Amino acid sequence: MNLPDERDVLRAEAEALLRRRIVLRAVKAPEPGFLGRITDRGRYLLVEYRDETSGYFWDLDVLRTVLRRACTGERGVTLYEGGRTVPEPGAPAQGGEEAEGR
């Protein structure tokens, strides 16, 4: 019996909640403390997450954390341990700020 991959289950749950396609990409941590990155690519969300040991389940907690943040509306950010976030260059401001003149 083939069980579904837990990553696919997590992705499908987030897609259903957001009503949007999500592309997952496991990456080696480019810097200390890196958890993941959420990038809005227009037609889909690109969710990159730290995966130091391919084939093992340790990355699932990191993936859950990054997907949870995506489901709360965060976009254009890099996430780090300890809750720190860094906006991507050129990313729109978070928090639903409105443009002047509206």
Protein backbone atom coordinates (compact mmCIF):
# COMPACT_ATOMS: atom_id res chain seq x y z
CA MET A 1 0.00 0.00 0.00
CA ASN A 2 1.38 3.41 -1.02
CA LEU A 3 0.71 6.19 1.46
CA PRO A 4 0.71 9.79 0.24
CA ASP A 5 3.87 11.78 0.87
CA GLU A 6 3.31 14.04 3.90
CA ARG A 7 4.66 17.03 1.94
CA ASP A 8 1.95 16.52 -0.68
CA VAL A 9 -0.71 16.34 2.03
CA LEU A 10 0.53 19.58 3.65
CA ARG A 11 0.68 21.33 0.26
CA ALA A 12 -2.83 20.18 -0.68
CA GLU A 13 -4.26 21.39 2.64
CA ALA A 14 -2.66 24.83 2.19
CA GLU A 15 -3.82 25.03 -1.44
CA ALA A 16 -7.39 24.26 -0.38
CA LEU A 17 -7.26 26.94 2.30
CA LEU A 18 -5.74 29.58 0.01
CA ARG A 19 -7.53 28.42 -3.15
CA ARG A 20 -4.25 28.85 -4.93
CA ARG A 21 -1.59 26.60 -6.42
CA ILE A 22 1.56 26.15 -4.31
CA VAL A 23 4.88 24.94 -5.66
CA LEU A 24 7.22 23.48 -3.03
CA ARG A 25 10.99 23.61 -3.39
CA ALA A 26 13.32 22.00 -0.87
CA VAL A 27 16.60 23.92 -0.60
CA LYS A 28 19.83 23.68 1.32
CA ALA A 29 20.02 26.53 3.83
CA PRO A 30 21.86 29.40 2.12
CA GLU A 31 22.64 30.99 5.49
CA PRO A 32 22.42 30.17 9.21
CA GLY A 33 18.92 30.19 10.68
CA PHE A 34 17.16 30.08 7.29
CA LEU A 35 13.75 28.36 7.43
CA GLY A 36 12.17 29.25 4.12
CA ARG A 37 10.94 31.81 1.64
CA ILE A 38 7.46 32.69 0.36
CA THR A 39 7.33 34.25 -3.10
CA ASP A 40 4.20 35.28 -4.98
CA ARG A 41 4.71 34.32 -8.62
CA GLY A 42 1.33 35.57 -9.78
CA ARG A 43 -0.26 32.30 -10.87
CA TYR A 44 1.17 30.38 -7.90
CA LEU A 45 3.03 30.71 -4.61
CA LEU A 46 6.58 29.43 -4.52
CA VAL A 47 7.33 28.06 -1.05
CA GLU A 48 10.97 27.20 -0.48
CA TYR A 49 11.88 25.44 2.74
CA ARG A 50 15.06 24.23 4.42
CA ASP A 51 15.75 20.56 3.75
CA GLU A 52 19.18 19.60 5.00
CA THR A 53 18.70 15.84 4.86
CA SER A 54 16.75 14.73 1.80
CA GLY A 55 14.64 11.65 2.33
CA TYR A 56 14.08 12.18 6.03
CA PHE A 57 11.13 13.67 7.90
CA TRP A 58 12.95 16.41 9.85
CA ASP A 59 12.09 18.95 7.18
CA LEU A 60 8.34 18.52 7.82
CA ASP A 61 8.31 20.79 10.88
CA VAL A 62 10.06 23.49 8.86
CA LEU A 63 7.63 23.02 5.96
CA ARG A 64 4.64 23.23 8.32
CA THR A 65 5.98 26.50 9.75
CA VAL A 66 6.54 28.08 6.34
CA LEU A 67 3.16 26.94 4.98
CA ARG A 68 1.40 28.23 8.12
CA ARG A 69 2.94 31.64 7.52
CA ALA A 70 1.90 31.55 3.85
CA CYS A 71 -1.67 30.73 4.94
CA THR A 72 -1.72 33.82 7.17
CA GLY A 73 -1.01 35.99 4.13
CA GLU A 74 2.73 36.52 4.29
CA ARG A 75 4.31 37.03 0.86
CA GLY A 76 7.67 38.21 -0.39
CA VAL A 77 9.53 37.26 2.78
CA THR A 78 12.39 35.09 3.92
CA LEU A 79 11.78 33.38 7.25
CA TYR A 80 14.41 32.65 9.87
CA GLU A 81 14.55 30.80 13.17
CA GLY A 82 13.27 32.82 16.11
CA GLY A 83 10.42 34.34 14.06
CA ARG A 84 12.60 36.87 12.22
CA THR A 85 11.45 37.81 8.71
CA VAL A 86 13.24 39.76 5.99
CA PRO A 87 11.28 41.20 3.06
CA GLU A 88 12.49 40.32 -0.40
CA PRO A 89 13.81 43.29 -2.39
CA GLY A 90 10.92 44.88 -4.26
CA ALA A 91 8.27 42.93 -2.34
CA PRO A 92 5.10 44.85 -1.50
CA ALA A 93 4.64 45.91 2.11
CA GLN A 94 2.88 43.40 4.37
CA GLY A 95 -0.17 44.19 6.43
CA GLY A 96 -2.57 45.37 3.75
CA GLU A 97 -1.23 48.91 3.46
CA GLU A 98 -3.15 50.89 0.88
CA ALA A 99 -1.61 53.05 -1.82
CA GLU A 100 -1.90 56.80 -1.45
CA GLY A 101 -4.82 58.44 -3.18
CA ARG A 102 -7.37 55.71 -2.51
